[in-house]
Amino acid sequence: MEEATFECDLIRDILKRVWTTRSTATDALDSEVGVGTSRKNRPTSANGNALKLTCELLRVFITEAVQRAAAIAEAEGVSQIEATHLESILPQLLLDF
């Protein structure tokens, strides 16, 4: 049975928005540099396999974060995960990924 994952269209849209925002910020900086720079303005995209891999990586990352935070919450005797639990596991989680 295949586990639920993120919709690739959603992830593509999020990445597209980030790329557009960065492109706009970079264009503003490039216009200050002046004439003579030869930076081409090409659209950024990702192929289907890269999007599937990104979706799976996000699924594994979030699942691991929830499991680690749940273990901390359980050790404290709390039945709900709170932001402080996520904050406590985040540094090691980022190092592990």
PDB file of N, CA and C in Angstrom:
ATOM      1  N   MET A   1       0.838  -1.179   0.000  1.00  0.00           N
ATOM      2  CA  MET A   1       0.000   0.000   0.000  1.00  0.00           C
ATOM      3  C   MET A   1       0.886   1.247   0.000  1.00  0.00           C
ATOM      4  N   GLU A   2       0.603   2.158  -0.889  1.00  0.00           N
ATOM      5  CA  GLU A   2       1.390   3.374  -1.031  1.00  0.00           C
ATOM      6  C   GLU A   2       0.944   4.410   0.001  1.00  0.00           C
ATOM      7  N   GLU A   3       1.916   5.023   0.644  1.00  0.00           N
ATOM      8  CA  GLU A   3       1.593   6.036   1.644  1.00  0.00           C
ATOM      9  C   GLU A   3       1.179   7.341   0.967  1.00  0.00           C
ATOM     10  N   ALA A   4       0.353   8.095   1.653  1.00  0.00           N
ATOM     11  CA  ALA A   4      -0.078   9.384   1.121  1.00  0.00           C
ATOM     12  C   ALA A   4       1.111  10.326   1.056  1.00  0.00           C
ATOM     13  N   THR A   5       1.139  11.132   0.045  1.00  0.00           N
ATOM     14  CA  THR A   5       2.218  12.104  -0.116  1.00  0.00           C
ATOM     15  C   THR A   5       1.616  13.426  -0.580  1.00  0.00           C
ATOM     16  N   PHE A   6       2.450  14.415  -0.755  1.00  0.00           N
ATOM     17  CA  PHE A   6       1.973  15.709  -1.211  1.00  0.00           C
ATOM     18  C   PHE A   6       1.633  15.648  -2.694  1.00  0.00           C
ATOM     19  N   GLU A   7       0.719  16.484  -3.109  1.00  0.00           N
ATOM     20  CA  GLU A   7       0.392  16.569  -4.527  1.00  0.00           C
ATOM     21  C   GLU A   7       1.530  17.288  -5.243  1.00  0.00           C
ATOM     22  N   CYS A   8       1.999  16.692  -6.316  1.00  0.00           N
ATOM     23  CA  CYS A   8       3.119  17.277  -7.051  1.00  0.00           C
ATOM     24  C   CYS A   8       2.775  18.657  -7.615  1.00  0.00           C
ATOM     25  N   ASP A   9       1.515  18.849  -7.989  1.00  0.00           N
ATOM     26  CA  ASP A   9       1.109  20.158  -8.517  1.00  0.00           C
ATOM     27  C   ASP A   9       1.250  21.245  -7.457  1.00  0.00           C
ATOM     28  N   LEU A  10       0.907  20.909  -6.224  1.00  0.00           N
ATOM     29  CA  LEU A  10       1.035  21.864  -5.128  1.00  0.00           C
ATOM     30  C   LEU A  10       2.497  22.234  -4.898  1.00  0.00           C
ATOM     31  N   ILE A  11       3.364  21.233  -4.861  1.00  0.00           N
ATOM     32  CA  ILE A  11       4.790  21.485  -4.640  1.00  0.00           C
ATOM     33  C   ILE A  11       5.368  22.289  -5.803  1.00  0.00           C
ATOM     34  N   ARG A  12       4.971  21.954  -7.042  1.00  0.00           N
ATOM     35  CA  ARG A  12       5.451  22.705  -8.203  1.00  0.00           C
ATOM     36  C   ARG A  12       5.044  24.175  -8.102  1.00  0.00           C
ATOM     37  N   ASP A  13       3.802  24.428  -7.693  1.00  0.00           N
ATOM     38  CA  ASP A  13       3.325  25.803  -7.558  1.00  0.00           C
ATOM     39  C   ASP A  13       4.094  26.556  -6.472  1.00  0.00           C
ATOM     40  N   ILE A  14       4.380  25.883  -5.373  1.00  0.00           N
ATOM     41  CA  ILE A  14       5.155  26.521  -4.300  1.00  0.00           C
ATOM     42  C   ILE A  14       6.557  26.855  -4.793  1.00  0.00           C
ATOM     43  N   LEU A  15       7.206  25.896  -5.441  1.00  0.00           N
ATOM     44  CA  LEU A  15       8.553  26.144  -5.966  1.00  0.00           C
ATOM     45  C   LEU A  15       8.552  27.254  -7.006  1.00  0.00           C
ATOM     46  N   LYS A  16       7.538  27.250  -7.864  1.00  0.00           N
ATOM     47  CA  LYS A  16       7.433  28.282  -8.894  1.00  0.00           C
ATOM     48  C   LYS A  16       7.315  29.674  -8.268  1.00  0.00           C
ATOM     49  N   ARG A  17       6.535  29.769  -7.209  1.00  0.00           N
ATOM     50  CA  ARG A  17       6.365  31.055  -6.534  1.00  0.00           C
ATOM     51  C   ARG A  17       7.690  31.517  -5.915  1.00  0.00           C
ATOM     52  N   VAL A  18       8.427  30.594  -5.307  1.00  0.00           N
ATOM     53  CA  VAL A  18       9.724  30.938  -4.719  1.00  0.00           C
ATOM     54  C   VAL A  18      10.686  31.378  -5.801  1.00  0.00           C
ATOM     55  N   TRP A  19      10.734  30.640  -6.900  1.00  0.00           N
ATOM     56  CA  TRP A  19      11.641  30.987  -7.986  1.00  0.00           C
ATOM     57  C   TRP A  19      11.290  32.355  -8.571  1.00  0.00           C
ATOM     58  N   THR A  20      10.006  32.644  -8.722  1.00  0.00           N
ATOM     59  CA  THR A  20       9.573  33.933  -9.259  1.00  0.00           C
ATOM     60  C   THR A  20       9.963  35.065  -8.313  1.00  0.00           C
ATOM     61  N   THR A  21       9.757  34.851  -7.027  1.00  0.00           N
ATOM     62  CA  THR A  21      10.106  35.869  -6.041  1.00  0.00           C
ATOM     63  C   THR A  21      11.609  36.138  -6.052  1.00  0.00           C
ATOM     64  N   ARG A  22      12.395  35.080  -6.087  1.00  0.00           N
ATOM     65  CA  ARG A  22      13.847  35.249  -6.126  1.00  0.00           C
ATOM     66  C   ARG A  22      14.298  35.923  -7.410  1.00  0.00           C
ATOM     67  N   SER A  23      13.667  35.582  -8.515  1.00  0.00           N
ATOM     68  CA  SER A  23      14.014  36.170  -9.797  1.00  0.00           C
ATOM     69  C   SER A  23      13.741  37.670  -9.787  1.00  0.00           C
ATOM     70  N   THR A  24      12.615  38.055  -9.212  1.00  0.00           N
ATOM     71  CA  THR A  24      12.256  39.469  -9.127  1.00  0.00           C
ATOM     72  C   THR A  24      13.254  40.225  -8.252  1.00  0.00           C
ATOM     73  N   ALA A  25      13.639  39.626  -7.123  1.00  0.00           N
ATOM     74  CA  ALA A  25      14.610  40.266  -6.231  1.00  0.00           C
ATOM     75  C   ALA A  25      15.969  40.366  -6.897  1.00  0.00           C
ATOM     76  N   THR A  26      16.362  39.344  -7.621  1.00  0.00           N
ATOM     77  CA  THR A  26      17.650  39.352  -8.311  1.00  0.00           C
ATOM     78  C   THR A  26      17.651  40.378  -9.431  1.00  0.00           C
ATOM     79  N   ASP A  27      16.540  40.507 -10.154  1.00  0.00           N
ATOM     80  CA  ASP A  27      16.447  41.500 -11.228  1.00  0.00           C
ATOM     81  C   ASP A  27      16.609  42.903 -10.679  1.00  0.00           C
ATOM     82  N   ALA A  28      16.036  43.163  -9.512  1.00  0.00           N
ATOM     83  CA  ALA A  28      16.166  44.485  -8.900  1.00  0.00           C
ATOM     84  C   ALA A  28      17.628  44.762  -8.551  1.00  0.00           C
ATOM     85  N   LEU A  29      18.335  43.771  -8.042  1.00  0.00           N
ATOM     86  CA  LEU A  29      19.749  43.935  -7.715  1.00  0.00           C
ATOM     87  C   LEU A  29      20.587  44.081  -8.968  1.00  0.00           C
ATOM     88  N   ASP A  30      20.270  43.325 -10.013  1.00  0.00           N
ATOM     89  CA  ASP A  30      21.023  43.392 -11.262  1.00  0.00           C
ATOM     90  C   ASP A  30      20.877  44.744 -11.931  1.00  0.00           C
ATOM     91  N   SER A  31      19.717  45.368 -11.809  1.00  0.00           N
ATOM     92  CA  SER A  31      19.526  46.671 -12.436  1.00  0.00           C
ATOM     93  C   SER A  31      20.397  47.725 -11.767  1.00  0.00           C
ATOM     94  N   GLU A  32      20.767  47.497 -10.504  1.00  0.00           N
ATOM     95  CA  GLU A  32      21.646  48.431  -9.812  1.00  0.00           C
ATOM     96  C   GLU A  32      23.107  48.237 -10.209  1.00  0.00           C
ATOM     97  N   VAL A  33      23.454  47.041 -10.689  1.00  0.00           N
ATOM     98  CA  VAL A  33      24.830  46.749 -11.062  1.00  0.00           C
ATOM     99  C   VAL A  33      25.227  47.564 -12.277  1.00  0.00           C
ATOM    100  N   GLY A  34      24.337  47.686 -13.219  1.00  0.00           N
ATOM    101  CA  GLY A  34      24.612  48.521 -14.373  1.00  0.00           C
ATOM    102  C   GLY A  34      24.678  47.735 -15.658  1.00  0.00           C
ATOM    103  N   VAL A  35      25.009  48.464 -16.708  1.00  0.00           N
ATOM    104  CA  VAL A  35      25.086  47.875 -18.038  1.00  0.00           C
ATOM    105  C   VAL A  35      26.376  47.074 -18.155  1.00  0.00           C
ATOM    106  N   GLY A  36      26.342  46.050 -18.986  1.00  0.00           N
ATOM    107  CA  GLY A  36      27.545  45.270 -19.200  1.00  0.00           C
ATOM    108  C   GLY A  36      27.479  43.883 -18.601  1.00  0.00           C
ATOM    109  N   THR A  37      26.491  43.633 -17.786  1.00  0.00           N
ATOM    110  CA  THR A  37      26.346  42.282 -17.250  1.00  0.00           C
ATOM    111  C   THR A  37      25.531  41.473 -18.248  1.00  0.00           C
ATOM    112  N   SER A  38      25.828  40.203 -18.361  1.00  0.00           N
ATOM    113  CA  SER A  38      25.155  39.380 -19.365  1.00  0.00           C
ATOM    114  C   SER A  38      24.377  38.249 -18.715  1.00  0.00           C
ATOM    115  N   ARG A  39      23.569  38.572 -17.764  1.00  0.00           N
ATOM    116  CA  ARG A  39      22.754  37.550 -17.108  1.00  0.00           C
ATOM    117  C   ARG A  39      21.473  37.345 -17.912  1.00  0.00           C
ATOM    118  N   LYS A  40      21.254  36.115 -18.337  1.00  0.00           N
ATOM    119  CA  LYS A  40      20.049  35.811 -19.106  1.00  0.00           C
ATOM    120  C   LYS A  40      18.907  35.505 -18.149  1.00  0.00           C
ATOM    121  N   ASN A  41      17.733  35.932 -18.525  1.00  0.00           N
ATOM    122  CA  ASN A  41      16.548  35.712 -17.712  1.00  0.00           C
ATOM    123  C   ASN A  41      15.823  34.485 -18.234  1.00  0.00           C
ATOM    124  N   ARG A  42      16.129  33.301 -17.655  1.00  0.00           N
ATOM    125  CA  ARG A  42      15.518  32.053 -18.075  1.00  0.00           C
ATOM    126  C   ARG A  42      14.566  31.560 -16.997  1.00  0.00           C
ATOM    127  N   PRO A  43      13.446  31.005 -17.414  1.00  0.00           N
ATOM    128  CA  PRO A  43      12.525  30.456 -16.411  1.00  0.00           C
ATOM    129  C   PRO A  43      13.111  29.197 -15.768  1.00  0.00           C
ATOM    130  N   THR A  44      12.855  29.027 -14.495  1.00  0.00           N
ATOM    131  CA  THR A  44      13.325  27.847 -13.770  1.00  0.00           C
ATOM    132  C   THR A  44      12.187  26.842 -13.720  1.00  0.00           C
ATOM    133  N   SER A  45      12.529  25.583 -13.915  1.00  0.00           N
ATOM    134  CA  SER A  45      11.505  24.540 -13.856  1.00  0.00           C
ATOM    135  C   SER A  45      12.131  23.252 -13.321  1.00  0.00           C
ATOM    136  N   ALA A  46      11.274  22.292 -12.998  1.00  0.00           N
ATOM    137  CA  ALA A  46      11.727  20.987 -12.514  1.00  0.00           C
ATOM    138  C   ALA A  46      10.983  19.906 -13.287  1.00  0.00           C
ATOM    139  N   ASN A  47      11.672  18.828 -13.596  1.00  0.00           N
ATOM    140  CA  ASN A  47      10.997  17.758 -14.333  1.00  0.00           C
ATOM    141  C   ASN A  47      10.143  16.919 -13.380  1.00  0.00           C
ATOM    142  N   GLY A  48       9.354  16.029 -13.933  1.00  0.00           N
ATOM    143  CA  GLY A  48       8.413  15.240 -13.151  1.00  0.00           C
ATOM    144  C   GLY A  48       9.060  14.377 -12.084  1.00  0.00           C
ATOM    145  N   ASN A  49      10.185  13.749 -12.426  1.00  0.00           N
ATOM    146  CA  ASN A  49      10.865  12.899 -11.442  1.00  0.00           C
ATOM    147  C   ASN A  49      11.404  13.712 -10.271  1.00  0.00           C
ATOM    148  N   ALA A  50      11.923  14.896 -10.560  1.00  0.00           N
ATOM    149  CA  ALA A  50      12.423  15.755  -9.487  1.00  0.00           C
ATOM    150  C   ALA A  50      11.288  16.180  -8.564  1.00  0.00           C
ATOM    151  N   LEU A  51      10.122  16.458  -9.126  1.00  0.00           N
ATOM    152  CA  LEU A  51       8.971  16.832  -8.302  1.00  0.00           C
ATOM    153  C   LEU A  51       8.501  15.662  -7.437  1.00  0.00           C
ATOM    154  N   LYS A  52       8.485  14.462  -8.002  1.00  0.00           N
ATOM    155  CA  LYS A  52       8.088  13.285  -7.219  1.00  0.00           C
ATOM    156  C   LYS A  52       9.061  13.058  -6.069  1.00  0.00           C
ATOM    157  N   LEU A  53      10.339  13.207  -6.347  1.00  0.00           N
ATOM    158  CA  LEU A  53      11.353  13.032  -5.312  1.00  0.00           C
ATOM    159  C   LEU A  53      11.225  14.104  -4.232  1.00  0.00           C
ATOM    160  N   THR A  54      10.957  15.335  -4.626  1.00  0.00           N
ATOM    161  CA  THR A  54      10.765  16.418  -3.665  1.00  0.00           C
ATOM    162  C   THR A  54       9.552  16.149  -2.782  1.00  0.00           C
ATOM    163  N   CYS A  55       8.462  15.676  -3.378  1.00  0.00           N
ATOM    164  CA  CYS A  55       7.255  15.335  -2.604  1.00  0.00           C
ATOM    165  C   CYS A  55       7.560  14.241  -1.585  1.00  0.00           C
ATOM    166  N   GLU A  56       8.287  13.224  -2.000  1.00  0.00           N
ATOM    167  CA  GLU A  56       8.614  12.128  -1.093  1.00  0.00           C
ATOM    168  C   GLU A  56       9.543  12.599   0.019  1.00  0.00           C
ATOM    169  N   LEU A  57      10.510  13.421  -0.304  1.00  0.00           N
ATOM    170  CA  LEU A  57      11.419  13.954   0.712  1.00  0.00           C
ATOM    171  C   LEU A  57      10.661  14.789   1.745  1.00  0.00           C
ATOM    172  N   LEU A  58       9.750  15.617   1.299  1.00  0.00           N
ATOM    173  CA  LEU A  58       8.935  16.412   2.224  1.00  0.00           C
ATOM    174  C   LEU A  58       8.075  15.518   3.114  1.00  0.00           C
ATOM    175  N   ARG A  59       7.498  14.463   2.532  1.00  0.00           N
ATOM    176  CA  ARG A  59       6.678  13.538   3.312  1.00  0.00           C
ATOM    177  C   ARG A  59       7.498  12.874   4.408  1.00  0.00           C
ATOM    178  N   VAL A  60       8.683  12.397   4.054  1.00  0.00           N
ATOM    179  CA  VAL A  60       9.540  11.727   5.036  1.00  0.00           C
ATOM    180  C   VAL A  60       9.998  12.715   6.104  1.00  0.00           C
ATOM    181  N   PHE A  61      10.361  13.925   5.694  1.00  0.00           N
ATOM    182  CA  PHE A  61      10.831  14.950   6.625  1.00  0.00           C
ATOM    183  C   PHE A  61       9.743  15.293   7.647  1.00  0.00           C
ATOM    184  N   ILE A  62       8.534  15.528   7.175  1.00  0.00           N
ATOM    185  CA  ILE A  62       7.438  15.917   8.073  1.00  0.00           C
ATOM    186  C   ILE A  62       7.021  14.754   8.960  1.00  0.00           C
ATOM    187  N   THR A  63       6.995  13.546   8.407  1.00  0.00           N
ATOM    188  CA  THR A  63       6.669  12.372   9.215  1.00  0.00           C
ATOM    189  C   THR A  63       7.674  12.192  10.344  1.00  0.00           C
ATOM    190  N   GLU A  64       8.944  12.342  10.020  1.00  0.00           N
ATOM    191  CA  GLU A  64       9.996  12.212  11.034  1.00  0.00           C
ATOM    192  C   GLU A  64       9.874  13.312  12.091  1.00  0.00           C
ATOM    193  N   ALA A  65       9.573  14.533  11.662  1.00  0.00           N
ATOM    194  CA  ALA A  65       9.413  15.641  12.615  1.00  0.00           C
ATOM    195  C   ALA A  65       8.269  15.370  13.581  1.00  0.00           C
ATOM    196  N   VAL A  66       7.155  14.888  13.064  1.00  0.00           N
ATOM    197  CA  VAL A  66       5.997  14.603  13.911  1.00  0.00           C
ATOM    198  C   VAL A  66       6.313  13.463  14.880  1.00  0.00           C
ATOM    199  N   GLN A  67       6.971  12.419  14.401  1.00  0.00           N
ATOM    200  CA  GLN A  67       7.304  11.292  15.275  1.00  0.00           C
ATOM    201  C   GLN A  67       8.257  11.702  16.392  1.00  0.00           C
ATOM    202  N   ARG A  68       9.259  12.494  16.060  1.00  0.00           N
ATOM    203  CA  ARG A  68      10.205  12.939  17.090  1.00  0.00           C
ATOM    204  C   ARG A  68       9.534  13.866  18.098  1.00  0.00           C
ATOM    205  N   ALA A  69       8.697  14.785  17.606  1.00  0.00           N
ATOM    206  CA  ALA A  69       7.989  15.703  18.504  1.00  0.00           C
ATOM    207  C   ALA A  69       7.011  14.938  19.389  1.00  0.00           C
ATOM    208  N   ALA A  70       6.378  13.911  18.832  1.00  0.00           N
ATOM    209  CA  ALA A  70       5.447  13.091  19.627  1.00  0.00           C
ATOM    210  C   ALA A  70       6.186  12.348  20.734  1.00  0.00           C
ATOM    211  N   ALA A  71       7.390  11.886  20.452  1.00  0.00           N
ATOM    212  CA  ALA A  71       8.184  11.195  21.474  1.00  0.00           C
ATOM    213  C   ALA A  71       8.540  12.147  22.613  1.00  0.00           C
ATOM    214  N   ILE A  72       8.874  13.384  22.272  1.00  0.00           N
ATOM    215  CA  ILE A  72       9.189  14.388  23.302  1.00  0.00           C
ATOM    216  C   ILE A  72       7.937  14.695  24.117  1.00  0.00           C
ATOM    217  N   ALA A  73       6.813  14.880  23.437  1.00  0.00           N
ATOM    218  CA  ALA A  73       5.563  15.181  24.139  1.00  0.00           C
ATOM    219  C   ALA A  73       5.172  14.034  25.068  1.00  0.00           C
ATOM    220  N   GLU A  74       5.334  12.810  24.601  1.00  0.00           N
ATOM    221  CA  GLU A  74       5.002  11.640  25.414  1.00  0.00           C
ATOM    222  C   GLU A  74       5.914  11.553  26.635  1.00  0.00           C
ATOM    223  N   ALA A  75       7.183  11.871  26.457  1.00  0.00           N
ATOM    224  CA  ALA A  75       8.124  11.841  27.579  1.00  0.00           C
ATOM    225  C   ALA A  75       7.758  12.882  28.634  1.00  0.00           C
ATOM    226  N   GLU A  76       7.147  13.979  28.201  1.00  0.00           N
ATOM    227  CA  GLU A  76       6.717  15.030  29.127  1.00  0.00           C
ATOM    228  C   GLU A  76       5.335  14.736  29.710  1.00  0.00           C
ATOM    229  N   GLY A  77       4.681  13.687  29.216  1.00  0.00           N
ATOM    230  CA  GLY A  77       3.359  13.347  29.719  1.00  0.00           C
ATOM    231  C   GLY A  77       2.241  14.176  29.126  1.00  0.00           C
ATOM    232  N   VAL A  78       2.478  14.748  27.956  1.00  0.00           N
ATOM    233  CA  VAL A  78       1.482  15.580  27.282  1.00  0.00           C
ATOM    234  C   VAL A  78       0.909  14.785  26.120  1.00  0.00           C
ATOM    235  N   SER A  79      -0.382  14.954  25.854  1.00  0.00           N
ATOM    236  CA  SER A  79      -1.018  14.175  24.787  1.00  0.00           C
ATOM    237  C   SER A  79      -1.039  14.903  23.443  1.00  0.00           C
ATOM    238  N   GLN A  80      -0.667  16.180  23.423  1.00  0.00           N
ATOM    239  CA  GLN A  80      -0.654  16.937  22.173  1.00  0.00           C
ATOM    240  C   GLN A  80       0.734  17.482  21.910  1.00  0.00           C
ATOM    241  N   ILE A  81       1.092  17.529  20.630  1.00  0.00           N
ATOM    242  CA  ILE A  81       2.364  18.127  20.228  1.00  0.00           C
ATOM    243  C   ILE A  81       2.188  19.637  20.204  1.00  0.00           C
ATOM    244  N   GLU A  82       3.128  20.327  20.817  1.00  0.00           N
ATOM    245  CA  GLU A  82       3.098  21.783  20.839  1.00  0.00           C
ATOM    246  C   GLU A  82       4.307  22.326  20.091  1.00  0.00           C
ATOM    247  N   ALA A  83       4.295  23.611  19.861  1.00  0.00           N
ATOM    248  CA  ALA A  83       5.392  24.246  19.123  1.00  0.00           C
ATOM    249  C   ALA A  83       6.733  24.043  19.823  1.00  0.00           C
ATOM    250  N   THR A  84       6.723  24.025  21.134  1.00  0.00           N
ATOM    251  CA  THR A  84       7.982  23.839  21.864  1.00  0.00           C
ATOM    252  C   THR A  84       8.590  22.473  21.607  1.00  0.00           C
ATOM    253  N   HIS A  85       7.750  21.473  21.374  1.00  0.00           N
ATOM    254  CA  HIS A  85       8.258  20.135  21.052  1.00  0.00           C
ATOM    255  C   HIS A  85       8.950  20.139  19.694  1.00  0.00           C
ATOM    256  N   LEU A  86       8.325  20.811  18.738  1.00  0.00           N
ATOM    257  CA  LEU A  86       8.940  20.920  17.411  1.00  0.00           C
ATOM    258  C   LEU A  86      10.232  21.722  17.469  1.00  0.00           C
ATOM    259  N   GLU A  87      10.229  22.782  18.259  1.00  0.00           N
ATOM    260  CA  GLU A  87      11.436  23.599  18.397  1.00  0.00           C
ATOM    261  C   GLU A  87      12.590  22.803  18.993  1.00  0.00           C
ATOM    262  N   SER A  88      12.279  21.896  19.888  1.00  0.00           N
ATOM    263  CA  SER A  88      13.348  21.135  20.538  1.00  0.00           C
ATOM    264  C   SER A  88      13.952  20.064  19.619  1.00  0.00           C
ATOM    265  N   ILE A  89      13.167  19.531  18.680  1.00  0.00           N
ATOM    266  CA  ILE A  89      13.699  18.489  17.796  1.00  0.00           C
ATOM    267  C   ILE A  89      14.260  19.044  16.492  1.00  0.00           C
ATOM    268  N   LEU A  90      13.940  20.273  16.177  1.00  0.00           N
ATOM    269  CA  LEU A  90      14.297  20.835  14.869  1.00  0.00           C
ATOM    270  C   LEU A  90      15.794  20.889  14.591  1.00  0.00           C
ATOM    271  N   PRO A  91      16.650  21.348  15.518  1.00  0.00           N
ATOM    272  CA  PRO A  91      18.073  21.406  15.186  1.00  0.00           C
ATOM    273  C   PRO A  91      18.662  20.043  14.772  1.00  0.00           C
ATOM    274  N   GLN A  92      18.379  18.998  15.535  1.00  0.00           N
ATOM    275  CA  GLN A  92      18.919  17.686  15.199  1.00  0.00           C
ATOM    276  C   GLN A  92      18.286  17.134  13.920  1.00  0.00           C
ATOM    277  N   LEU A  93      16.999  17.404  13.725  1.00  0.00           N
ATOM    278  CA  LEU A  93      16.326  16.935  12.521  1.00  0.00           C
ATOM    279  C   LEU A  93      16.960  17.551  11.277  1.00  0.00           C
ATOM    280  N   LEU A  94      17.236  18.831  11.323  1.00  0.00           N
ATOM    281  CA  LEU A  94      17.875  19.495  10.184  1.00  0.00           C
ATOM    282  C   LEU A  94      19.279  18.957   9.929  1.00  0.00           C
ATOM    283  N   LEU A  95      19.996  18.649  10.988  1.00  0.00           N
ATOM    284  CA  LEU A  95      21.326  18.059  10.809  1.00  0.00           C
ATOM    285  C   LEU A  95      21.226  16.657  10.214  1.00  0.00           C
ATOM    286  N   ASP A  96      20.214  15.901  10.586  1.00  0.00           N
ATOM    287  CA  ASP A  96      20.046  14.545  10.079  1.00  0.00           C
ATOM    288  C   ASP A  96      19.655  14.526   8.605  1.00  0.00           C
ATOM    289  N   PHE A  97      18.965  15.561   8.153  1.00  0.00           N
ATOM    290  CA  PHE A  97      18.569  15.597   6.745  1.00  0.00           C
ATOM    291  C   PHE A  97      19.582  16.377   5.969  1.00  0.00           C
TER     292      PHE A  97
END
